Amino acid sequence: MQPDKPALKEYAGGWITEREGTTVPAFLKFAYIVIAGGCLTYFLVYMNGEVDHADRGKLVRAMNAATEASNGLMYGIAALILIFGIVVVAFAFGKPHDSK
């Protein structure tokens, strides 16, 4: 009698393997939300640099004045981060599809 081998699925040309029928753990699904929210918050807080820092804040404000940062572009990038985060979370919480 030979033991049954678990059915494995390969992704990325064999770089990632998983057992058939496994699901994403709940903590990992919620980690996606926390990580995406943290990235978006960090981006929005520091999108113009660390202007309130005691030592280098003056230099950052001078650099911002010289380079004329575009807040519209930065908010557009923040929107892309938000959209990507929503897609990843929707994919993680969605029903798995078996491809055979």
PDB file of N, CA and C in Angstrom:
ATOM      1  N   MET A   1       0.824  -1.188   0.000  1.00  0.00           N
ATOM      2  CA  MET A   1       0.000   0.000   0.000  1.00  0.00           C
ATOM      3  C   MET A   1       0.871   1.256   0.000  1.00  0.00           C
ATOM      4  N   GLN A   2       0.617   2.110  -0.945  1.00  0.00           N
ATOM      5  CA  GLN A   2       1.376   3.353  -0.998  1.00  0.00           C
ATOM      6  C   GLN A   2       0.537   4.486  -0.441  1.00  0.00           C
ATOM      7  N   PRO A   3       1.178   5.398   0.311  1.00  0.00           N
ATOM      8  CA  PRO A   3       0.408   6.544   0.812  1.00  0.00           C
ATOM      9  C   PRO A   3      -0.014   7.451  -0.343  1.00  0.00           C
ATOM     10  N   ASP A   4      -1.189   8.060  -0.176  1.00  0.00           N
ATOM     11  CA  ASP A   4      -1.691   8.974  -1.198  1.00  0.00           C
ATOM     12  C   ASP A   4      -0.874  10.250  -1.196  1.00  0.00           C
ATOM     13  N   LYS A   5      -0.503  10.667  -2.389  1.00  0.00           N
ATOM     14  CA  LYS A   5       0.196  11.951  -2.515  1.00  0.00           C
ATOM     15  C   LYS A   5      -0.854  13.050  -2.596  1.00  0.00           C
ATOM     16  N   PRO A   6      -0.648  14.143  -1.885  1.00  0.00           N
ATOM     17  CA  PRO A   6      -1.627  15.234  -1.990  1.00  0.00           C
ATOM     18  C   PRO A   6      -1.552  15.882  -3.379  1.00  0.00           C
ATOM     19  N   ALA A   7      -2.683  16.260  -3.889  1.00  0.00           N
ATOM     20  CA  ALA A   7      -2.725  16.938  -5.185  1.00  0.00           C
ATOM     21  C   ALA A   7      -2.176  18.345  -5.008  1.00  0.00           C
ATOM     22  N   LEU A   8      -1.168  18.674  -5.796  1.00  0.00           N
ATOM     23  CA  LEU A   8      -0.520  19.977  -5.697  1.00  0.00           C
ATOM     24  C   LEU A   8      -0.810  20.806  -6.937  1.00  0.00           C
ATOM     25  N   LYS A   9      -0.990  22.099  -6.731  1.00  0.00           N
ATOM     26  CA  LYS A   9      -1.135  23.053  -7.832  1.00  0.00           C
ATOM     27  C   LYS A   9       0.124  23.892  -7.873  1.00  0.00           C
ATOM     28  N   GLU A  10       0.601  24.187  -9.057  1.00  0.00           N
ATOM     29  CA  GLU A  10       1.793  25.008  -9.214  1.00  0.00           C
ATOM     30  C   GLU A  10       1.426  26.332  -9.855  1.00  0.00           C
ATOM     31  N   TYR A  11       2.083  27.368  -9.368  1.00  0.00           N
ATOM     32  CA  TYR A  11       1.922  28.715  -9.922  1.00  0.00           C
ATOM     33  C   TYR A  11       3.310  29.246 -10.269  1.00  0.00           C
ATOM     34  N   ALA A  12       3.355  30.199 -11.142  1.00  0.00           N
ATOM     35  CA  ALA A  12       4.595  30.898 -11.499  1.00  0.00           C
ATOM     36  C   ALA A  12       5.673  29.909 -11.929  1.00  0.00           C
ATOM     37  N   GLY A  13       5.307  28.952 -12.746  1.00  0.00           N
ATOM     38  CA  GLY A  13       6.272  28.013 -13.270  1.00  0.00           C
ATOM     39  C   GLY A  13       6.890  27.107 -12.216  1.00  0.00           C
ATOM     40  N   GLY A  14       6.148  26.803 -11.158  1.00  0.00           N
ATOM     41  CA  GLY A  14       6.640  25.913 -10.121  1.00  0.00           C
ATOM     42  C   GLY A  14       7.285  26.606  -8.939  1.00  0.00           C
ATOM     43  N   TRP A  15       7.351  27.927  -8.948  1.00  0.00           N
ATOM     44  CA  TRP A  15       7.943  28.666  -7.827  1.00  0.00           C
ATOM     45  C   TRP A  15       7.043  28.612  -6.600  1.00  0.00           C
ATOM     46  N   ILE A  16       5.744  28.511  -6.823  1.00  0.00           N
ATOM     47  CA  ILE A  16       4.776  28.449  -5.725  1.00  0.00           C
ATOM     48  C   ILE A  16       3.947  27.188  -5.907  1.00  0.00           C
ATOM     49  N   THR A  17       3.839  26.395  -4.854  1.00  0.00           N
ATOM     50  CA  THR A  17       2.981  25.216  -4.895  1.00  0.00           C
ATOM     51  C   THR A  17       2.051  25.250  -3.690  1.00  0.00           C
ATOM     52  N   GLU A  18       0.873  24.665  -3.867  1.00  0.00           N
ATOM     53  CA  GLU A  18      -0.080  24.554  -2.760  1.00  0.00           C
ATOM     54  C   GLU A  18      -0.907  23.298  -2.949  1.00  0.00           C
ATOM     55  N   ARG A  19      -1.469  22.839  -1.850  1.00  0.00           N
ATOM     56  CA  ARG A  19      -2.354  21.672  -1.919  1.00  0.00           C
ATOM     57  C   ARG A  19      -3.689  22.087  -2.518  1.00  0.00           C
ATOM     58  N   GLU A  20      -4.286  21.169  -3.238  1.00  0.00           N
ATOM     59  CA  GLU A  20      -5.608  21.422  -3.809  1.00  0.00           C
ATOM     60  C   GLU A  20      -6.612  21.643  -2.687  1.00  0.00           C
ATOM     61  N   GLY A  21      -7.501  22.601  -2.865  1.00  0.00           N
ATOM     62  CA  GLY A  21      -8.584  22.825  -1.921  1.00  0.00           C
ATOM     63  C   GLY A  21      -8.223  23.670  -0.715  1.00  0.00           C
ATOM     64  N   THR A  22      -7.005  24.181  -0.646  1.00  0.00           N
ATOM     65  CA  THR A  22      -6.657  25.035   0.497  1.00  0.00           C
ATOM     66  C   THR A  22      -7.194  26.439   0.264  1.00  0.00           C
ATOM     67  N   THR A  23      -7.444  27.139   1.353  1.00  0.00           N
ATOM     68  CA  THR A  23      -7.937  28.516   1.271  1.00  0.00           C
ATOM     69  C   THR A  23      -6.945  29.450   1.932  1.00  0.00           C
ATOM     70  N   VAL A  24      -7.107  30.723   1.668  1.00  0.00           N
ATOM     71  CA  VAL A  24      -6.264  31.733   2.293  1.00  0.00           C
ATOM     72  C   VAL A  24      -6.702  31.869   3.753  1.00  0.00           C
ATOM     73  N   PRO A  25      -5.769  31.811   4.712  1.00  0.00           N
ATOM     74  CA  PRO A  25      -6.144  31.944   6.123  1.00  0.00           C
ATOM     75  C   PRO A  25      -6.778  33.309   6.411  1.00  0.00           C
ATOM     76  N   ALA A  26      -7.666  33.340   7.390  1.00  0.00           N
ATOM     77  CA  ALA A  26      -8.399  34.571   7.709  1.00  0.00           C
ATOM     78  C   ALA A  26      -7.460  35.693   8.148  1.00  0.00           C
ATOM     79  N   PHE A  27      -6.429  35.366   8.939  1.00  0.00           N
ATOM     80  CA  PHE A  27      -5.520  36.415   9.389  1.00  0.00           C
ATOM     81  C   PHE A  27      -4.799  37.059   8.218  1.00  0.00           C
ATOM     82  N   LEU A  28      -4.505  36.276   7.176  1.00  0.00           N
ATOM     83  CA  LEU A  28      -3.817  36.826   6.013  1.00  0.00           C
ATOM     84  C   LEU A  28      -4.752  37.732   5.209  1.00  0.00           C
ATOM     85  N   LYS A  29      -6.026  37.364   5.144  1.00  0.00           N
ATOM     86  CA  LYS A  29      -6.997  38.211   4.455  1.00  0.00           C
ATOM     87  C   LYS A  29      -7.085  39.576   5.135  1.00  0.00           C
ATOM     88  N   PHE A  30      -7.121  39.588   6.459  1.00  0.00           N
ATOM     89  CA  PHE A  30      -7.195  40.861   7.175  1.00  0.00           C
ATOM     90  C   PHE A  30      -5.851  41.592   7.159  1.00  0.00           C
ATOM     91  N   ALA A  31      -4.760  40.845   7.020  1.00  0.00           N
ATOM     92  CA  ALA A  31      -3.449  41.489   6.904  1.00  0.00           C
ATOM     93  C   ALA A  31      -3.371  42.317   5.625  1.00  0.00           C
ATOM     94  N   TYR A  32      -4.009  41.846   4.552  1.00  0.00           N
ATOM     95  CA  TYR A  32      -4.043  42.628   3.316  1.00  0.00           C
ATOM     96  C   TYR A  32      -4.676  43.996   3.559  1.00  0.00           C
ATOM     97  N   ILE A  33      -5.756  44.023   4.322  1.00  0.00           N
ATOM     98  CA  ILE A  33      -6.439  45.284   4.613  1.00  0.00           C
ATOM     99  C   ILE A  33      -5.542  46.210   5.430  1.00  0.00           C
ATOM    100  N   VAL A  34      -4.908  45.659   6.456  1.00  0.00           N
ATOM    101  CA  VAL A  34      -4.048  46.472   7.327  1.00  0.00           C
ATOM    102  C   VAL A  34      -2.843  46.997   6.562  1.00  0.00           C
ATOM    103  N   ILE A  35      -2.210  46.155   5.762  1.00  0.00           N
ATOM    104  CA  ILE A  35      -1.024  46.572   5.017  1.00  0.00           C
ATOM    105  C   ILE A  35      -1.379  47.625   3.972  1.00  0.00           C
ATOM    106  N   ALA A  36      -2.452  47.407   3.222  1.00  0.00           N
ATOM    107  CA  ALA A  36      -2.861  48.385   2.209  1.00  0.00           C
ATOM    108  C   ALA A  36      -3.258  49.710   2.866  1.00  0.00           C
ATOM    109  N   GLY A  37      -3.975  49.649   3.982  1.00  0.00           N
ATOM    110  CA  GLY A  37      -4.358  50.873   4.692  1.00  0.00           C
ATOM    111  C   GLY A  37      -3.147  51.605   5.248  1.00  0.00           C
ATOM    112  N   GLY A  38      -2.181  50.859   5.776  1.00  0.00           N
ATOM    113  CA  GLY A  38      -0.957  51.477   6.286  1.00  0.00           C
ATOM    114  C   GLY A  38      -0.156  52.147   5.187  1.00  0.00           C
ATOM    115  N   CYS A  39      -0.057  51.491   4.034  1.00  0.00           N
ATOM    116  CA  CYS A  39       0.672  52.079   2.900  1.00  0.00           C
ATOM    117  C   CYS A  39      -0.005  53.358   2.417  1.00  0.00           C
ATOM    118  N   LEU A  40      -1.323  53.323   2.314  1.00  0.00           N
ATOM    119  CA  LEU A  40      -2.056  54.507   1.859  1.00  0.00           C
ATOM    120  C   LEU A  40      -1.920  55.649   2.858  1.00  0.00           C
ATOM    121  N   THR A  41      -2.032  55.340   4.143  1.00  0.00           N
ATOM    122  CA  THR A  41      -1.894  56.371   5.174  1.00  0.00           C
ATOM    123  C   THR A  41      -0.496  56.978   5.155  1.00  0.00           C
ATOM    124  N   TYR A  42       0.522  56.138   5.086  1.00  0.00           N
ATOM    125  CA  TYR A  42       1.901  56.627   5.033  1.00  0.00           C
ATOM    126  C   TYR A  42       2.104  57.530   3.828  1.00  0.00           C
ATOM    127  N   PHE A  43       1.580  57.104   2.674  1.00  0.00           N
ATOM    128  CA  PHE A  43       1.736  57.897   1.456  1.00  0.00           C
ATOM    129  C   PHE A  43       1.074  59.258   1.603  1.00  0.00           C
ATOM    130  N   LEU A  44      -0.139  59.293   2.152  1.00  0.00           N
ATOM    131  CA  LEU A  44      -0.846  60.566   2.290  1.00  0.00           C
ATOM    132  C   LEU A  44      -0.184  61.489   3.316  1.00  0.00           C
ATOM    133  N   VAL A  45       0.334  60.908   4.409  1.00  0.00           N
ATOM    134  CA  VAL A  45       0.961  61.734   5.445  1.00  0.00           C
ATOM    135  C   VAL A  45       2.268  62.336   4.941  1.00  0.00           C
ATOM    136  N   TYR A  46       3.057  61.547   4.220  1.00  0.00           N
ATOM    137  CA  TYR A  46       4.380  62.005   3.789  1.00  0.00           C
ATOM    138  C   TYR A  46       4.474  62.288   2.302  1.00  0.00           C
ATOM    139  N   MET A  47       3.360  62.597   1.637  1.00  0.00           N
ATOM    140  CA  MET A  47       3.417  62.803   0.194  1.00  0.00           C
ATOM    141  C   MET A  47       4.209  64.054  -0.192  1.00  0.00           C
ATOM    142  N   ASN A  48       4.325  65.009   0.685  1.00  0.00           N
ATOM    143  CA  ASN A  48       5.148  66.187   0.403  1.00  0.00           C
ATOM    144  C   ASN A  48       6.443  66.180   1.195  1.00  0.00           C
ATOM    145  N   GLY A  49       6.798  65.050   1.758  1.00  0.00           N
ATOM    146  CA  GLY A  49       8.019  64.939   2.540  1.00  0.00           C
ATOM    147  C   GLY A  49       7.748  65.197   4.015  1.00  0.00           C
ATOM    148  N   GLU A  50       8.790  65.090   4.793  1.00  0.00           N
ATOM    149  CA  GLU A  50       8.683  65.273   6.240  1.00  0.00           C
ATOM    150  C   GLU A  50       8.938  66.748   6.565  1.00  0.00           C
ATOM    151  N   VAL A  51       7.957  67.589   6.249  1.00  0.00           N
ATOM    152  CA  VAL A  51       8.124  69.039   6.366  1.00  0.00           C
ATOM    153  C   VAL A  51       8.125  69.534   7.806  1.00  0.00           C
ATOM    154  N   ASP A  52       7.639  68.763   8.748  1.00  0.00           N
ATOM    155  CA  ASP A  52       7.583  69.195  10.143  1.00  0.00           C
ATOM    156  C   ASP A  52       8.729  68.651  10.988  1.00  0.00           C
ATOM    157  N   HIS A  53       9.707  68.016  10.368  1.00  0.00           N
ATOM    158  CA  HIS A  53      10.842  67.470  11.112  1.00  0.00           C
ATOM    159  C   HIS A  53      11.713  68.621  11.623  1.00  0.00           C
ATOM    160  N   ALA A  54      12.227  68.475  12.840  1.00  0.00           N
ATOM    161  CA  ALA A  54      12.996  69.552  13.478  1.00  0.00           C
ATOM    162  C   ALA A  54      14.284  69.875  12.723  1.00  0.00           C
ATOM    163  N   ASP A  55      14.983  68.869  12.230  1.00  0.00           N
ATOM    164  CA  ASP A  55      16.270  69.107  11.575  1.00  0.00           C
ATOM    165  C   ASP A  55      16.151  69.360  10.081  1.00  0.00           C
ATOM    166  N   ARG A  56      15.488  68.475   9.377  1.00  0.00           N
ATOM    167  CA  ARG A  56      15.479  68.575   7.916  1.00  0.00           C
ATOM    168  C   ARG A  56      14.185  69.144   7.338  1.00  0.00           C
ATOM    169  N   GLY A  57      13.253  69.545   8.167  1.00  0.00           N
ATOM    170  CA  GLY A  57      11.994  70.086   7.665  1.00  0.00           C
ATOM    171  C   GLY A  57      12.178  71.326   6.823  1.00  0.00           C
ATOM    172  N   LYS A  58      13.106  72.182   7.229  1.00  0.00           N
ATOM    173  CA  LYS A  58      13.381  73.409   6.474  1.00  0.00           C
ATOM    174  C   LYS A  58      13.911  73.083   5.078  1.00  0.00           C
ATOM    175  N   LEU A  59      14.786  72.087   4.991  1.00  0.00           N
ATOM    176  CA  LEU A  59      15.326  71.677   3.693  1.00  0.00           C
ATOM    177  C   LEU A  59      14.249  71.051   2.810  1.00  0.00           C
ATOM    178  N   VAL A  60      13.367  70.278   3.414  1.00  0.00           N
ATOM    179  CA  VAL A  60      12.295  69.649   2.649  1.00  0.00           C
ATOM    180  C   VAL A  60      11.341  70.703   2.108  1.00  0.00           C
ATOM    181  N   ARG A  61      11.015  71.701   2.920  1.00  0.00           N
ATOM    182  CA  ARG A  61      10.145  72.786   2.440  1.00  0.00           C
ATOM    183  C   ARG A  61      10.817  73.565   1.313  1.00  0.00           C
ATOM    184  N   ALA A  62      12.134  73.792   1.414  1.00  0.00           N
ATOM    185  CA  ALA A  62      12.866  74.486   0.348  1.00  0.00           C
ATOM    186  C   ALA A  62      12.869  73.663  -0.937  1.00  0.00           C
ATOM    187  N   MET A  63      13.046  72.356  -0.806  1.00  0.00           N
ATOM    188  CA  MET A  63      13.026  71.473  -1.988  1.00  0.00           C
ATOM    189  C   MET A  63      11.640  71.466  -2.621  1.00  0.00           C
ATOM    190  N   ASN A  64      10.594  71.418  -1.794  1.00  0.00           N
ATOM    191  CA  ASN A  64       9.232  71.449  -2.330  1.00  0.00           C
ATOM    192  C   ASN A  64       8.957  72.750  -3.061  1.00  0.00           C
ATOM    193  N   ALA A  65       9.459  73.866  -2.534  1.00  0.00           N
ATOM    194  CA  ALA A  65       9.258  75.163  -3.190  1.00  0.00           C
ATOM    195  C   ALA A  65      10.000  75.223  -4.522  1.00  0.00           C
ATOM    196  N   ALA A  66      11.188  74.612  -4.576  1.00  0.00           N
ATOM    197  CA  ALA A  66      11.987  74.659  -5.799  1.00  0.00           C
ATOM    198  C   ALA A  66      11.452  73.730  -6.880  1.00  0.00           C
ATOM    199  N   THR A  67      10.884  72.620  -6.490  1.00  0.00           N
ATOM    200  CA  THR A  67      10.458  71.631  -7.488  1.00  0.00           C
ATOM    201  C   THR A  67       8.971  71.683  -7.803  1.00  0.00           C
ATOM    202  N   GLU A  68       8.194  72.436  -7.054  1.00  0.00           N
ATOM    203  CA  GLU A  68       6.758  72.589  -7.290  1.00  0.00           C
ATOM    204  C   GLU A  68       6.052  71.235  -7.399  1.00  0.00           C
ATOM    205  N   ALA A  69       5.926  70.527  -6.283  1.00  0.00           N
ATOM    206  CA  ALA A  69       5.266  69.224  -6.251  1.00  0.00           C
ATOM    207  C   ALA A  69       3.808  69.347  -6.673  1.00  0.00           C
ATOM    208  N   SER A  70       3.319  68.331  -7.346  1.00  0.00           N
ATOM    209  CA  SER A  70       1.950  68.320  -7.842  1.00  0.00           C
ATOM    210  C   SER A  70       1.066  67.504  -6.906  1.00  0.00           C
ATOM    211  N   ASN A  71       0.226  68.182  -6.135  1.00  0.00           N
ATOM    212  CA  ASN A  71      -0.682  67.466  -5.237  1.00  0.00           C
ATOM    213  C   ASN A  71      -1.711  66.647  -6.004  1.00  0.00           C
ATOM    214  N   GLY A  72      -2.123  67.121  -7.167  1.00  0.00           N
ATOM    215  CA  GLY A  72      -3.076  66.363  -7.983  1.00  0.00           C
ATOM    216  C   GLY A  72      -2.515  65.013  -8.395  1.00  0.00           C
ATOM    217  N   LEU A  73      -1.250  64.995  -8.808  1.00  0.00           N
ATOM    218  CA  LEU A  73      -0.599  63.740  -9.168  1.00  0.00           C
ATOM    219  C   LEU A  73      -0.500  62.822  -7.959  1.00  0.00           C
ATOM    220  N   MET A  74      -0.144  63.386  -6.809  1.00  0.00           N
ATOM    221  CA  MET A  74       0.006  62.575  -5.606  1.00  0.00           C
ATOM    222  C   MET A  74      -1.335  61.973  -5.175  1.00  0.00           C
ATOM    223  N   TYR A  75      -2.407  62.742  -5.270  1.00  0.00           N
ATOM    224  CA  TYR A  75      -3.722  62.193  -4.928  1.00  0.00           C
ATOM    225  C   TYR A  75      -4.169  61.156  -5.962  1.00  0.00           C
ATOM    226  N   GLY A  76      -3.755  61.325  -7.206  1.00  0.00           N
ATOM    227  CA  GLY A  76      -4.037  60.317  -8.230  1.00  0.00           C
ATOM    228  C   GLY A  76      -3.343  59.003  -7.925  1.00  0.00           C
ATOM    229  N   ILE A  77      -2.086  59.085  -7.486  1.00  0.00           N
ATOM    230  CA  ILE A  77      -1.351  57.884  -7.098  1.00  0.00           C
ATOM    231  C   ILE A  77      -1.993  57.253  -5.868  1.00  0.00           C
ATOM    232  N   ALA A  78      -2.438  58.064  -4.917  1.00  0.00           N
ATOM    233  CA  ALA A  78      -3.130  57.540  -3.736  1.00  0.00           C
ATOM    234  C   ALA A  78      -4.416  56.818  -4.151  1.00  0.00           C
ATOM    235  N   ALA A  79      -5.108  57.339  -5.145  1.00  0.00           N
ATOM    236  CA  ALA A  79      -6.315  56.675  -5.643  1.00  0.00           C
ATOM    237  C   ALA A  79      -5.971  55.325  -6.267  1.00  0.00           C
ATOM    238  N   LEU A  80      -4.851  55.254  -6.983  1.00  0.00           N
ATOM    239  CA  LEU A  80      -4.416  53.980  -7.555  1.00  0.00           C
ATOM    240  C   LEU A  80      -4.066  52.972  -6.459  1.00  0.00           C
ATOM    241  N   ILE A  81      -3.426  53.445  -5.380  1.00  0.00           N
ATOM    242  CA  ILE A  81      -3.129  52.572  -4.248  1.00  0.00           C
ATOM    243  C   ILE A  81      -4.428  52.039  -3.648  1.00  0.00           C
ATOM    244  N   LEU A  82      -5.410  52.908  -3.491  1.00  0.00           N
ATOM    245  CA  LEU A  82      -6.703  52.503  -2.932  1.00  0.00           C
ATOM    246  C   LEU A  82      -7.392  51.480  -3.832  1.00  0.00           C
ATOM    247  N   ILE A  83      -7.402  51.721  -5.127  1.00  0.00           N
ATOM    248  CA  ILE A  83      -8.042  50.792  -6.064  1.00  0.00           C
ATOM    249  C   ILE A  83      -7.338  49.441  -6.038  1.00  0.00           C
ATOM    250  N   PHE A  84      -6.004  49.446  -6.044  1.00  0.00           N
ATOM    251  CA  PHE A  84      -5.256  48.195  -5.996  1.00  0.00           C
ATOM    252  C   PHE A  84      -5.540  47.444  -4.694  1.00  0.00           C
ATOM    253  N   GLY A  85      -5.599  48.168  -3.582  1.00  0.00           N
ATOM    254  CA  GLY A  85      -5.914  47.535  -2.300  1.00  0.00           C
ATOM    255  C   GLY A  85      -7.284  46.907  -2.301  1.00  0.00           C
ATOM    256  N   ILE A  86      -8.263  47.581  -2.875  1.00  0.00           N
ATOM    257  CA  ILE A  86      -9.622  47.040  -2.954  1.00  0.00           C
ATOM    258  C   ILE A  86      -9.648  45.778  -3.816  1.00  0.00           C
ATOM    259  N   VAL A  87      -8.932  45.790  -4.930  1.00  0.00           N
ATOM    260  CA  VAL A  87      -8.897  44.614  -5.808  1.00  0.00           C
ATOM    261  C   VAL A  87      -8.244  43.430  -5.104  1.00  0.00           C
ATOM    262  N   VAL A  88      -7.140  43.661  -4.397  1.00  0.00           N
ATOM    263  CA  VAL A  88      -6.454  42.576  -3.693  1.00  0.00           C
ATOM    264  C   VAL A  88      -7.345  42.002  -2.590  1.00  0.00           C
ATOM    265  N   VAL A  89      -8.004  42.874  -1.836  1.00  0.00           N
ATOM    266  CA  VAL A  89      -8.882  42.397  -0.757  1.00  0.00           C
ATOM    267  C   VAL A  89     -10.086  41.649  -1.342  1.00  0.00           C
ATOM    268  N   ALA A  90     -10.654  42.147  -2.431  1.00  0.00           N
ATOM    269  CA  ALA A  90     -11.782  41.457  -3.069  1.00  0.00           C
ATOM    270  C   ALA A  90     -11.346  40.084  -3.581  1.00  0.00           C
ATOM    271  N   PHE A  91     -10.141  40.000  -4.132  1.00  0.00           N
ATOM    272  CA  PHE A  91      -9.627  38.718  -4.606  1.00  0.00           C
ATOM    273  C   PHE A  91      -9.399  37.763  -3.439  1.00  0.00           C
ATOM    274  N   ALA A  92      -8.871  38.274  -2.331  1.00  0.00           N
ATOM    275  CA  ALA A  92      -8.590  37.424  -1.164  1.00  0.00           C
ATOM    276  C   ALA A  92      -9.868  36.919  -0.515  1.00  0.00           C
ATOM    277  N   PHE A  93     -10.900  37.757  -0.434  1.00  0.00           N
ATOM    278  CA  PHE A  93     -12.143  37.359   0.214  1.00  0.00           C
ATOM    279  C   PHE A  93     -13.099  36.664  -0.745  1.00  0.00           C
ATOM    280  N   GLY A  94     -12.785  36.683  -2.027  1.00  0.00           N
ATOM    281  CA  GLY A  94     -13.670  36.056  -3.015  1.00  0.00           C
ATOM    282  C   GLY A  94     -13.604  34.544  -2.989  1.00  0.00           C
ATOM    283  N   LYS A  95     -14.513  33.943  -3.707  1.00  0.00           N
ATOM    284  CA  LYS A  95     -14.591  32.476  -3.787  1.00  0.00           C
ATOM    285  C   LYS A  95     -13.458  31.991  -4.681  1.00  0.00           C
ATOM    286  N   PRO A  96     -12.702  30.969  -4.247  1.00  0.00           N
ATOM    287  CA  PRO A  96     -11.619  30.457  -5.091  1.00  0.00           C
ATOM    288  C   PRO A  96     -12.158  29.763  -6.343  1.00  0.00           C
ATOM    289  N   HIS A  97     -11.449  29.910  -7.427  1.00  0.00           N
ATOM    290  CA  HIS A  97     -11.822  29.280  -8.687  1.00  0.00           C
ATOM    291  C   HIS A  97     -10.759  28.239  -9.024  1.00  0.00           C
ATOM    292  N   ASP A  98     -11.183  27.030  -9.251  1.00  0.00           N
ATOM    293  CA  ASP A  98     -10.247  25.972  -9.613  1.00  0.00           C
ATOM    294  C   ASP A  98     -10.069  25.977 -11.122  1.00  0.00           C
ATOM    295  N   SER A  99      -8.827  26.039 -11.563  1.00  0.00           N
ATOM    296  CA  SER A  99      -8.527  25.977 -12.978  1.00  0.00           C
ATOM    297  C   SER A  99      -7.963  24.597 -13.290  1.00  0.00           C
ATOM    298  N   LYS A 100      -8.640  23.886 -14.151  1.00  0.00           N
ATOM    299  CA  LYS A 100      -8.180  22.526 -14.503  1.00  0.00           C
ATOM    300  C   LYS A 100      -8.048  22.387 -15.981  1.00  0.00           C
TER     301      LYS A 100
END
